[in-house]
Structures are given as C-alpha cells and as structure tokens.
Amino acid sequence: MYRLLAIDLDGTLLTPQRIITSRTYAALRQAVAGGVKLVIASGQTLDVLRAVCANLPLNVPQIIYNGAIIADIQSGTALYEQLVPDEHILSTLALLRRMHLHRVYHTHKRVYVDEGTPNARNWYHPPVPPAIEVPEVESLYPQPCIKLVGVGNAATLREKREELERMLAGQLYVTQASRHLLEFLHPEVSKGHALATLVRILKVRPEEVAAIGDNHNDIGMLQFAGLGIAMGNAHDEVKAVADHVTTSNAEEGVALAIEEKILPFLPR
C-alpha cells in the first residue's frame, strides 16, 4: 500500500484549462479516505496552492516553491525553508540578463518581475496577488529570495537550462518548471529533497510513496518515490526515469493513475 501520494500541480493535477476534474477529486478523496497522505509538490506559491487546491483533502504539510519551503497550508507556518544564498543572487540575475531571459524575484510576500516580462500580468488571478513589475529586479536585493526565475523562449530554453546547470553547478539548483520557465534555488533544494524531508517527518518509508509529475523539476521526486509516475504529456527525460506512464493532463491522467495504482491496494 502507498501511504503518501505527491502530485505536481501545473501540467499534472491541473488540466490545460487549469481545473481539477470531478473524476480526479473523487479519486483523491477516496485515496485520502483510505489512509493516504496527500501532498501537492509545486513550484507555485502558498497563495496559489490555497486558491487552486482549496477543495482538496490536504491532510499534511505541502511542498511549495519547488521544495524550497514545506509549509502547513492552513497557517502558512514553514516546517522547512532554504532560501537562495545571498552571495549568488546578483550574479545570477546578471547572468540571466546576459542570456536574454526576463527575470523574476520571489520574496516571502510578493513576486517581482522585470518590466516587459511576457504574460506576467496573467500569471496570477484574484485572490492571488499579481506579480509586481519593476524596472530592475536587482532593486529587490538584499530582500530574502526564495527563488529566482528566468523566463524565455520555449524553443531554446531547455538548451539554456543545460548550459546554466553547468555554469552554476555547486552554487544553485537549476530546474525547468515549464516550457517557458527556468528556476534557480538553494543548491540543496529540489522536490525530491523536500519529499525525502517530509517523509522523515511523517515517518513514511520511501517505498510507501507514489509521485506523479510531468517536467524536469519532478524528476527527483519520481526517482525518490517507490512508484514514480510520469504524465502522458511529460517530456521524454521525465518518462525515462518513471516506473509508469499514465495519460495526459487533458485526459485525466492523475485520476487514471490513482484508480489503477493506488485505490486497488487500499485496505478494504
């Protein structure tokens, strides 16, 4: 039996229309009723998680900011937190500019973006506060930074990620959260590391964990889990490390995976 289920949000739990289907809600509620601990492991903020997942039976602390924070979704209290090291903030922002990427600076209170960042005004919708455009995100320093983000062209971003991984090796964790977003975090941060930390807190064995995801930032948690499930819409590099591939987020892949791999093994 799997005692903990960790699920990515964008591209996984959410459909392309950014909703959770009734079939998926039903599968998740049945799993939790059967004793499964439900964790959303997302690159998103706590505000987004609270808004989008308000009707989910989230019964344990949640993983946000790609693993930089593990928090109680009700109180907002952080059980674990790793911020971007101060000494790497300005140099990384300068590097992103040289690589022609728009920059994003996440603080504990708000998200700040370079003026002219594509589509930034549509990233968040009420009740989530909008991103704040500023002439230069460097002006936020030395405010504590949860993560930095580079926004770029999907056609070239994976190649740029690989270059940045080499350039920042040992300094920051570099990951791709979507086709357009690269994220830069404390070197010890990842969804996989956060999931390992949460499992220790909850006294669950790795082999009792199932995880579902679709992008580069999900690879660590799929590898850590006893059962790693890639979405049908996942990139090939994610499918390559998965134990199982379900259907896409447009085809209720999360619901199908739970129905096939989790629910049949719950106590009767």
C-alpha atoms as a PDB file:
ATOM      1  CA  MET A   1       0.000   0.000   0.000  1.00  0.00           C
ATOM      2  CA  TYR A   2       1.149   3.514  -0.781  1.00  0.00           C
ATOM      3  CA  ARG A   3       0.767   5.751   2.271  1.00  0.00           C
ATOM      4  CA  LEU A   4       1.757   9.067   0.700  1.00  0.00           C
ATOM      5  CA  LEU A   5       0.929  10.484  -2.713  1.00  0.00           C
ATOM      6  CA  ALA A   6       2.875  13.507  -4.019  1.00  0.00           C
ATOM      7  CA  ILE A   7       1.467  15.244  -7.086  1.00  0.00           C
ATOM      8  CA  ASP A   8       2.791  18.107  -9.185  1.00  0.00           C
ATOM      9  CA  LEU A   9       0.294  20.875  -9.937  1.00  0.00           C
ATOM     10  CA  ASP A  10       0.761  22.558 -13.340  1.00  0.00           C
ATOM     11  CA  GLY A  11       0.748  20.127 -16.234  1.00  0.00           C
ATOM     12  CA  THR A  12      -0.158  17.252 -13.920  1.00  0.00           C
ATOM     13  CA  LEU A  13      -3.046  17.708 -11.485  1.00  0.00           C
ATOM     14  CA  LEU A  14      -4.465  20.671 -13.404  1.00  0.00           C
ATOM     15  CA  THR A  15      -5.926  20.251 -16.878  1.00  0.00           C
ATOM     16  CA  PRO A  16      -4.760  22.600 -19.673  1.00  0.00           C
ATOM     17  CA  GLN A  17      -7.723  24.780 -18.591  1.00  0.00           C
ATOM     18  CA  ARG A  18      -6.212  24.829 -15.062  1.00  0.00           C
ATOM     19  CA  ILE A  19      -9.027  22.966 -13.348  1.00  0.00           C
ATOM     20  CA  ILE A  20      -9.229  19.773 -11.285  1.00  0.00           C
ATOM     21  CA  THR A  21     -11.858  17.472 -12.762  1.00  0.00           C
ATOM     22  CA  SER A  22     -14.634  15.862 -10.742  1.00  0.00           C
ATOM     23  CA  ARG A  23     -13.204  12.419 -11.507  1.00  0.00           C
ATOM     24  CA  THR A  24      -9.828  13.498 -10.130  1.00  0.00           C
ATOM     25  CA  TYR A  25     -11.419  14.983  -6.996  1.00  0.00           C
ATOM     26  CA  ALA A  26     -13.274  11.706  -6.438  1.00  0.00           C
ATOM     27  CA  ALA A  27     -10.118   9.612  -6.813  1.00  0.00           C
ATOM     28  CA  LEU A  28      -8.135  11.839  -4.444  1.00  0.00           C
ATOM     29  CA  ARG A  29     -10.859  11.862  -1.798  1.00  0.00           C
ATOM     30  CA  GLN A  30     -11.158   8.082  -1.986  1.00  0.00           C
ATOM     31  CA  ALA A  31      -7.398   7.718  -1.571  1.00  0.00           C
ATOM     32  CA  VAL A  32      -7.310  10.022   1.463  1.00  0.00           C
ATOM     33  CA  ALA A  33     -10.332   8.258   2.994  1.00  0.00           C
ATOM     34  CA  GLY A  34      -8.346   5.035   2.627  1.00  0.00           C
ATOM     35  CA  GLY A  35      -5.453   6.421   4.654  1.00  0.00           C
ATOM     36  CA  VAL A  36      -3.227   8.067   2.012  1.00  0.00           C
ATOM     37  CA  LYS A  37      -1.462  11.319   2.891  1.00  0.00           C
ATOM     38  CA  LEU A  38      -1.873  13.826   0.037  1.00  0.00           C
ATOM     39  CA  VAL A  39       0.911  16.253  -0.859  1.00  0.00           C
ATOM     40  CA  ILE A  40       0.931  18.794  -3.654  1.00  0.00           C
ATOM     41  CA  ALA A  41       4.554  19.326  -4.702  1.00  0.00           C
ATOM     42  CA  SER A  42       4.609  22.510  -6.735  1.00  0.00           C
ATOM     43  CA  GLY A  43       6.810  25.348  -7.853  1.00  0.00           C
ATOM     44  CA  GLN A  44       3.923  27.665  -7.069  1.00  0.00           C
ATOM     45  CA  THR A  45       3.440  29.960  -4.081  1.00  0.00           C
ATOM     46  CA  LEU A  46       1.395  29.212  -0.967  1.00  0.00           C
ATOM     47  CA  ASP A  47      -1.249  31.716  -2.136  1.00  0.00           C
ATOM     48  CA  VAL A  48      -1.697  29.823  -5.400  1.00  0.00           C
ATOM     49  CA  LEU A  49      -1.914  26.483  -3.620  1.00  0.00           C
ATOM     50  CA  ARG A  50      -4.548  27.794  -1.231  1.00  0.00           C
ATOM     51  CA  ALA A  51      -6.635  29.204  -4.093  1.00  0.00           C
ATOM     52  CA  VAL A  52      -6.380  26.313  -6.548  1.00  0.00           C
ATOM     53  CA  CYS A  53      -6.456  23.423  -4.073  1.00  0.00           C
ATOM     54  CA  ALA A  54      -8.982  24.801  -1.568  1.00  0.00           C
ATOM     55  CA  ASN A  55     -11.326  21.833  -2.029  1.00  0.00           C
ATOM     56  CA  LEU A  56      -8.704  19.106  -1.860  1.00  0.00           C
ATOM     57  CA  PRO A  57      -8.346  16.964   1.291  1.00  0.00           C
ATOM     58  CA  LEU A  58      -4.793  18.148   2.027  1.00  0.00           C
ATOM     59  CA  ASN A  59      -4.038  16.408   5.312  1.00  0.00           C
ATOM     60  CA  VAL A  60      -0.277  17.017   5.759  1.00  0.00           C
ATOM     61  CA  PRO A  61       2.235  19.840   5.118  1.00  0.00           C
ATOM     62  CA  GLN A  62       2.694  20.792   1.461  1.00  0.00           C
ATOM     63  CA  ILE A  63       5.756  21.295  -0.770  1.00  0.00           C
ATOM     64  CA  ILE A  64       5.917  24.711  -2.466  1.00  0.00           C
ATOM     65  CA  TYR A  65       8.487  26.756  -4.410  1.00  0.00           C
ATOM     66  CA  ASN A  66       9.898  23.544  -5.916  1.00  0.00           C
ATOM     67  CA  GLY A  67      10.888  22.301  -2.480  1.00  0.00           C
ATOM     68  CA  ALA A  68      12.374  25.484  -1.025  1.00  0.00           C
ATOM     69  CA  ILE A  69       9.568  25.501   1.562  1.00  0.00           C
ATOM     70  CA  ILE A  70       7.470  22.821   3.268  1.00  0.00           C
ATOM     71  CA  ALA A  71       4.505  24.543   4.895  1.00  0.00           C
ATOM     72  CA  ASP A  72       1.231  23.997   6.673  1.00  0.00           C
ATOM     73  CA  ILE A  73      -1.311  25.172   4.111  1.00  0.00           C
ATOM     74  CA  GLN A  74      -3.747  26.476   6.734  1.00  0.00           C
ATOM     75  CA  SER A  75      -1.437  28.505   8.974  1.00  0.00           C
ATOM     76  CA  GLY A  76       1.339  29.146   6.475  1.00  0.00           C
ATOM     77  CA  THR A  77       3.886  28.014   9.062  1.00  0.00           C
ATOM     78  CA  ALA A  78       7.059  26.724   7.419  1.00  0.00           C
ATOM     79  CA  LEU A  79       8.432  23.415   8.704  1.00  0.00           C
ATOM     80  CA  TYR A  80      11.411  23.649   6.352  1.00  0.00           C
ATOM     81  CA  GLU A  81      12.916  26.522   4.364  1.00  0.00           C
ATOM     82  CA  GLN A  82      16.012  27.034   2.228  1.00  0.00           C
ATOM     83  CA  LEU A  83      16.493  30.449   0.599  1.00  0.00           C
ATOM     84  CA  VAL A  84      18.730  31.410  -2.315  1.00  0.00           C
ATOM     85  CA  PRO A  85      22.202  32.182  -0.866  1.00  0.00           C
ATOM     86  CA  ASP A  86      22.700  35.963  -0.800  1.00  0.00           C
ATOM     87  CA  GLU A  87      26.090  35.760  -2.493  1.00  0.00           C
ATOM     88  CA  HIS A  88      24.588  34.240  -5.660  1.00  0.00           C
ATOM     89  CA  ILE A  89      21.548  36.487  -6.179  1.00  0.00           C
ATOM     90  CA  LEU A  90      23.013  39.453  -8.064  1.00  0.00           C
ATOM     91  CA  SER A  91      25.473  37.409 -10.112  1.00  0.00           C
ATOM     92  CA  THR A  92      22.689  35.051 -11.230  1.00  0.00           C
ATOM     93  CA  LEU A  93      20.414  37.942 -12.175  1.00  0.00           C
ATOM     94  CA  ALA A  94      23.239  39.429 -14.244  1.00  0.00           C
ATOM     95  CA  LEU A  95      23.824  36.063 -15.918  1.00  0.00           C
ATOM     96  CA  LEU A  96      20.150  35.715 -16.824  1.00  0.00           C
ATOM     97  CA  ARG A  97      20.198  39.177 -18.393  1.00  0.00           C
ATOM     98  CA  ARG A  98      23.237  38.248 -20.488  1.00  0.00           C
ATOM     99  CA  MET A  99      21.344  35.169 -21.692  1.00  0.00           C
ATOM    100  CA  HIS A 100      18.386  37.355 -22.719  1.00  0.00           C
ATOM    101  CA  LEU A 101      15.986  35.950 -20.132  1.00  0.00           C
ATOM    102  CA  HIS A 102      13.412  38.020 -18.260  1.00  0.00           C
ATOM    103  CA  ARG A 103      13.968  37.790 -14.503  1.00  0.00           C
ATOM    104  CA  VAL A 104      11.636  37.064 -11.566  1.00  0.00           C
ATOM    105  CA  TYR A 105      12.431  37.555  -7.852  1.00  0.00           C
ATOM    106  CA  HIS A 106      10.272  35.705  -5.297  1.00  0.00           C
ATOM    107  CA  THR A 107      10.144  37.152  -1.785  1.00  0.00           C
ATOM    108  CA  HIS A 108       8.064  35.860   1.121  1.00  0.00           C
ATOM    109  CA  LYS A 109       5.373  38.464   0.435  1.00  0.00           C
ATOM    110  CA  ARG A 110       5.239  39.136  -3.307  1.00  0.00           C
ATOM    111  CA  VAL A 111       6.562  38.169  -6.723  1.00  0.00           C
ATOM    112  CA  TYR A 112       8.504  40.803  -8.691  1.00  0.00           C
ATOM    113  CA  VAL A 113       9.280  40.725 -12.418  1.00  0.00           C
ATOM    114  CA  ASP A 114      11.256  42.784 -14.899  1.00  0.00           C
ATOM    115  CA  GLU A 115       9.105  45.243 -16.818  1.00  0.00           C
ATOM    116  CA  GLY A 116       8.029  43.714 -20.111  1.00  0.00           C
ATOM    117  CA  THR A 117       8.131  40.104 -18.920  1.00  0.00           C
ATOM    118  CA  PRO A 118       5.759  38.249 -21.299  1.00  0.00           C
ATOM    119  CA  ASN A 119       2.333  37.418 -19.898  1.00  0.00           C
ATOM    120  CA  ALA A 120       3.393  38.224 -16.295  1.00  0.00           C
ATOM    121  CA  ARG A 121       0.176  40.135 -15.665  1.00  0.00           C
ATOM    122  CA  ASN A 122      -1.790  36.943 -16.330  1.00  0.00           C
ATOM    123  CA  TRP A 123       0.205  34.608 -14.106  1.00  0.00           C
ATOM    124  CA  TYR A 124      -1.985  35.098 -11.053  1.00  0.00           C
ATOM    125  CA  HIS A 125      -5.671  35.816 -10.610  1.00  0.00           C
ATOM    126  CA  PRO A 126      -7.636  37.007  -7.533  1.00  0.00           C
ATOM    127  CA  PRO A 127      -7.438  36.200  -4.693  1.00  0.00           C
ATOM    128  CA  VAL A 128      -3.742  35.633  -5.510  1.00  0.00           C
ATOM    129  CA  PRO A 129      -1.883  38.994  -5.610  1.00  0.00           C
ATOM    130  CA  PRO A 130      -0.493  39.862  -9.076  1.00  0.00           C
ATOM    131  CA  ALA A 131       3.199  39.962  -9.881  1.00  0.00           C
ATOM    132  CA  ILE A 132       4.700  43.436  -9.494  1.00  0.00           C
ATOM    133  CA  GLU A 133       6.617  44.822 -12.478  1.00  0.00           C
ATOM    134  CA  VAL A 134       9.751  46.799 -11.627  1.00  0.00           C
ATOM    135  CA  PRO A 135      12.385  48.386 -13.893  1.00  0.00           C
ATOM    136  CA  GLU A 136      15.144  46.161 -12.483  1.00  0.00           C
ATOM    137  CA  VAL A 137      14.562  43.194 -10.167  1.00  0.00           C
ATOM    138  CA  GLU A 138      18.061  43.771  -8.779  1.00  0.00           C
ATOM    139  CA  SER A 139      16.460  46.578  -6.777  1.00  0.00           C
ATOM    140  CA  LEU A 140      14.824  43.958  -4.542  1.00  0.00           C
ATOM    141  CA  TYR A 141      18.198  42.816  -3.208  1.00  0.00           C
ATOM    142  CA  PRO A 142      19.005  42.225  -0.346  1.00  0.00           C
ATOM    143  CA  GLN A 143      15.460  41.124   0.456  1.00  0.00           C
ATOM    144  CA  PRO A 144      15.429  37.373   1.234  1.00  0.00           C
ATOM    145  CA  CYS A 145      14.856  35.465  -2.012  1.00  0.00           C
ATOM    146  CA  ILE A 146      13.016  32.147  -2.127  1.00  0.00           C
ATOM    147  CA  LYS A 147      13.794  31.569  -5.791  1.00  0.00           C
ATOM    148  CA  LEU A 148      14.856  33.345  -8.962  1.00  0.00           C
ATOM    149  CA  VAL A 149      13.197  32.598 -12.281  1.00  0.00           C
ATOM    150  CA  GLY A 150      14.250  33.105 -15.888  1.00  0.00           C
ATOM    151  CA  VAL A 151      11.502  33.488 -18.494  1.00  0.00           C
ATOM    152  CA  GLY A 152      12.368  32.672 -22.083  1.00  0.00           C
ATOM    153  CA  ASN A 153      11.514  31.122 -25.425  1.00  0.00           C
ATOM    154  CA  ALA A 154      10.384  27.505 -25.180  1.00  0.00           C
ATOM    155  CA  ALA A 155      12.315  26.599 -28.335  1.00  0.00           C
ATOM    156  CA  THR A 156      15.688  27.389 -26.753  1.00  0.00           C
ATOM    157  CA  LEU A 157      15.059  27.157 -23.020  1.00  0.00           C
ATOM    158  CA  ARG A 158      15.974  23.510 -22.483  1.00  0.00           C
ATOM    159  CA  GLU A 159      19.332  24.121 -24.152  1.00  0.00           C
ATOM    160  CA  LYS A 160      19.886  27.203 -21.990  1.00  0.00           C
ATOM    161  CA  ARG A 161      18.975  25.188 -18.889  1.00  0.00           C
ATOM    162  CA  GLU A 162      21.684  22.658 -19.613  1.00  0.00           C
ATOM    163  CA  GLU A 163      24.230  25.459 -20.073  1.00  0.00           C
ATOM    164  CA  LEU A 164      23.151  27.179 -16.860  1.00  0.00           C
ATOM    165  CA  GLU A 165      23.289  23.885 -14.945  1.00  0.00           C
ATOM    166  CA  ARG A 166      26.947  23.618 -15.920  1.00  0.00           C
ATOM    167  CA  MET A 167      27.727  27.268 -15.146  1.00  0.00           C
ATOM    168  CA  LEU A 168      26.028  27.242 -11.727  1.00  0.00           C
ATOM    169  CA  ALA A 169      26.986  23.733 -10.622  1.00  0.00           C
ATOM    170  CA  GLY A 170      27.571  23.693  -6.870  1.00  0.00           C
ATOM    171  CA  GLN A 171      26.130  27.192  -6.473  1.00  0.00           C
ATOM    172  CA  LEU A 172      22.419  26.835  -7.240  1.00  0.00           C
ATOM    173  CA  TYR A 173      19.886  24.169  -8.147  1.00  0.00           C
ATOM    174  CA  VAL A 174      18.724  24.852 -11.707  1.00  0.00           C
ATOM    175  CA  THR A 175      15.495  23.302 -12.930  1.00  0.00           C
ATOM    176  CA  GLN A 176      12.845  23.738 -15.610  1.00  0.00           C
ATOM    177  CA  ALA A 177       9.339  24.183 -14.271  1.00  0.00           C
ATOM    178  CA  SER A 178       7.576  24.622 -17.623  1.00  0.00           C
ATOM    179  CA  ARG A 179       8.343  25.183 -21.280  1.00  0.00           C
ATOM    180  CA  HIS A 180       8.993  28.879 -20.575  1.00  0.00           C
ATOM    181  CA  LEU A 181      10.410  28.943 -17.023  1.00  0.00           C
ATOM    182  CA  LEU A 182      13.798  28.133 -15.511  1.00  0.00           C
ATOM    183  CA  GLU A 183      14.127  28.295 -11.733  1.00  0.00           C
ATOM    184  CA  PHE A 184      17.171  28.889  -9.530  1.00  0.00           C
ATOM    185  CA  LEU A 185      17.150  27.826  -5.889  1.00  0.00           C
ATOM    186  CA  HIS A 186      19.393  26.937  -2.967  1.00  0.00           C
ATOM    187  CA  PRO A 187      21.701  24.087  -4.068  1.00  0.00           C
ATOM    188  CA  GLU A 188      20.147  21.680  -1.558  1.00  0.00           C
ATOM    189  CA  VAL A 189      16.608  22.393  -2.767  1.00  0.00           C
ATOM    190  CA  SER A 190      14.515  20.175  -5.036  1.00  0.00           C
ATOM    191  CA  LYS A 191      11.132  18.496  -4.907  1.00  0.00           C
ATOM    192  CA  GLY A 192      12.928  15.203  -4.355  1.00  0.00           C
ATOM    193  CA  HIS A 193      14.885  16.535  -1.383  1.00  0.00           C
ATOM    194  CA  ALA A 194      11.761  18.134   0.098  1.00  0.00           C
ATOM    195  CA  LEU A 195       9.810  14.909  -0.326  1.00  0.00           C
ATOM    196  CA  ALA A 196      12.576  12.973   1.442  1.00  0.00           C
ATOM    197  CA  THR A 197      12.464  15.515   4.278  1.00  0.00           C
ATOM    198  CA  LEU A 198       8.678  15.338   4.567  1.00  0.00           C
ATOM    199  CA  VAL A 199       8.731  11.536   4.544  1.00  0.00           C
ATOM    200  CA  ARG A 200      11.109  11.567   7.506  1.00  0.00           C
ATOM    201  CA  ILE A 201       8.829  13.990   9.374  1.00  0.00           C
ATOM    202  CA  LEU A 202       5.755  11.859   8.690  1.00  0.00           C
ATOM    203  CA  LYS A 203       7.573   8.560   9.356  1.00  0.00           C
ATOM    204  CA  VAL A 204       6.723   7.075   5.959  1.00  0.00           C
ATOM    205  CA  ARG A 205       9.117   4.767   4.100  1.00  0.00           C
ATOM    206  CA  PRO A 206      10.206   5.768   0.554  1.00  0.00           C
ATOM    207  CA  GLU A 207       8.761   2.552  -0.845  1.00  0.00           C
ATOM    208  CA  GLU A 208       5.359   3.647   0.526  1.00  0.00           C
ATOM    209  CA  VAL A 209       5.443   6.841  -1.571  1.00  0.00           C
ATOM    210  CA  ALA A 210       3.937   7.381  -5.021  1.00  0.00           C
ATOM    211  CA  ALA A 211       4.680  10.546  -7.009  1.00  0.00           C
ATOM    212  CA  ILE A 212       3.230  11.962 -10.234  1.00  0.00           C
ATOM    213  CA  GLY A 213       4.767  14.699 -12.396  1.00  0.00           C
ATOM    214  CA  ASP A 214       5.446  15.991 -15.884  1.00  0.00           C
ATOM    215  CA  ASN A 215       8.545  18.215 -16.011  1.00  0.00           C
ATOM    216  CA  HIS A 216      12.260  18.378 -15.226  1.00  0.00           C
ATOM    217  CA  ASN A 217      11.591  19.687 -11.696  1.00  0.00           C
ATOM    218  CA  ASP A 218       9.633  16.493 -10.922  1.00  0.00           C
ATOM    219  CA  ILE A 219      12.426  14.058 -11.780  1.00  0.00           C
ATOM    220  CA  GLY A 220      13.924  13.985  -8.276  1.00  0.00           C
ATOM    221  CA  MET A 221      10.678  13.102  -6.550  1.00  0.00           C
ATOM    222  CA  LEU A 222       9.798  10.456  -9.158  1.00  0.00           C
ATOM    223  CA  GLN A 223      13.193   8.861  -8.567  1.00  0.00           C
ATOM    224  CA  PHE A 224      12.812   9.037  -4.779  1.00  0.00           C
ATOM    225  CA  ALA A 225       9.314   7.534  -4.664  1.00  0.00           C
ATOM    226  CA  GLY A 226       8.643   3.828  -4.550  1.00  0.00           C
ATOM    227  CA  LEU A 227       6.376   4.438  -7.551  1.00  0.00           C
ATOM    228  CA  GLY A 228       7.231   7.278  -9.926  1.00  0.00           C
ATOM    229  CA  ILE A 229       4.519   8.098 -12.475  1.00  0.00           C
ATOM    230  CA  ALA A 230       5.040  10.378 -15.469  1.00  0.00           C
ATOM    231  CA  MET A 231       2.174  12.105 -17.213  1.00  0.00           C
ATOM    232  CA  GLY A 232       1.451  11.326 -20.862  1.00  0.00           C
ATOM    233  CA  ASN A 233       2.271  14.972 -21.641  1.00  0.00           C
ATOM    234  CA  ALA A 234       5.621  14.741 -19.800  1.00  0.00           C
ATOM    235  CA  HIS A 235       8.915  15.400 -21.563  1.00  0.00           C
ATOM    236  CA  ASP A 236      10.833  12.281 -22.603  1.00  0.00           C
ATOM    237  CA  GLU A 237      13.518  12.944 -19.949  1.00  0.00           C
ATOM    238  CA  VAL A 238      10.807  12.597 -17.278  1.00  0.00           C
ATOM    239  CA  LYS A 239       9.270   9.471 -18.786  1.00  0.00           C
ATOM    240  CA  ALA A 240      12.730   7.898 -18.892  1.00  0.00           C
ATOM    241  CA  VAL A 241      13.015   7.861 -15.078  1.00  0.00           C
ATOM    242  CA  ALA A 242       9.401   6.878 -14.353  1.00  0.00           C
ATOM    243  CA  ASP A 243       8.167   3.447 -13.323  1.00  0.00           C
ATOM    244  CA  HIS A 244       4.868   4.047 -15.111  1.00  0.00           C
ATOM    245  CA  VAL A 245       3.421   6.491 -17.650  1.00  0.00           C
ATOM    246  CA  THR A 246      -0.237   7.496 -17.393  1.00  0.00           C
ATOM    247  CA  THR A 247      -2.327   9.529 -19.826  1.00  0.00           C
ATOM    248  CA  SER A 248      -2.003  13.309 -20.238  1.00  0.00           C
ATOM    249  CA  ASN A 249      -3.407  16.060 -18.024  1.00  0.00           C
ATOM    250  CA  ALA A 250      -6.015  16.651 -20.747  1.00  0.00           C
ATOM    251  CA  GLU A 251      -7.114  13.021 -20.333  1.00  0.00           C
ATOM    252  CA  GLU A 252      -7.356  12.896 -16.508  1.00  0.00           C
ATOM    253  CA  GLY A 253      -4.045  11.083 -16.192  1.00  0.00           C
ATOM    254  CA  VAL A 254      -3.828  11.669 -12.432  1.00  0.00           C
ATOM    255  CA  ALA A 255      -7.261  10.153 -11.844  1.00  0.00           C
ATOM    256  CA  LEU A 256      -6.407   7.136 -14.005  1.00  0.00           C
ATOM    257  CA  ALA A 257      -3.099   6.577 -12.194  1.00  0.00           C
ATOM    258  CA  ILE A 258      -4.787   6.691  -8.786  1.00  0.00           C
ATOM    259  CA  GLU A 259      -7.564   4.364  -9.939  1.00  0.00           C
ATOM    260  CA  GLU A 260      -5.066   1.843 -11.327  1.00  0.00           C
ATOM    261  CA  LYS A 261      -2.096   2.091  -8.973  1.00  0.00           C
ATOM    262  CA  ILE A 262      -3.359   3.357  -5.593  1.00  0.00           C
ATOM    263  CA  LEU A 263      -7.028   2.563  -4.920  1.00  0.00           C
ATOM    264  CA  PRO A 264      -6.971  -1.209  -5.620  1.00  0.00           C
ATOM    265  CA  PHE A 265      -4.405  -1.685  -2.836  1.00  0.00           C
ATOM    266  CA  LEU A 266      -6.111   0.291  -0.076  1.00  0.00           C
ATOM    267  CA  PRO A 267      -7.447  -1.598   2.958  1.00  0.00           C
ATOM    268  CA  ARG A 268     -10.939  -2.898   2.414  1.00  0.00           C
END
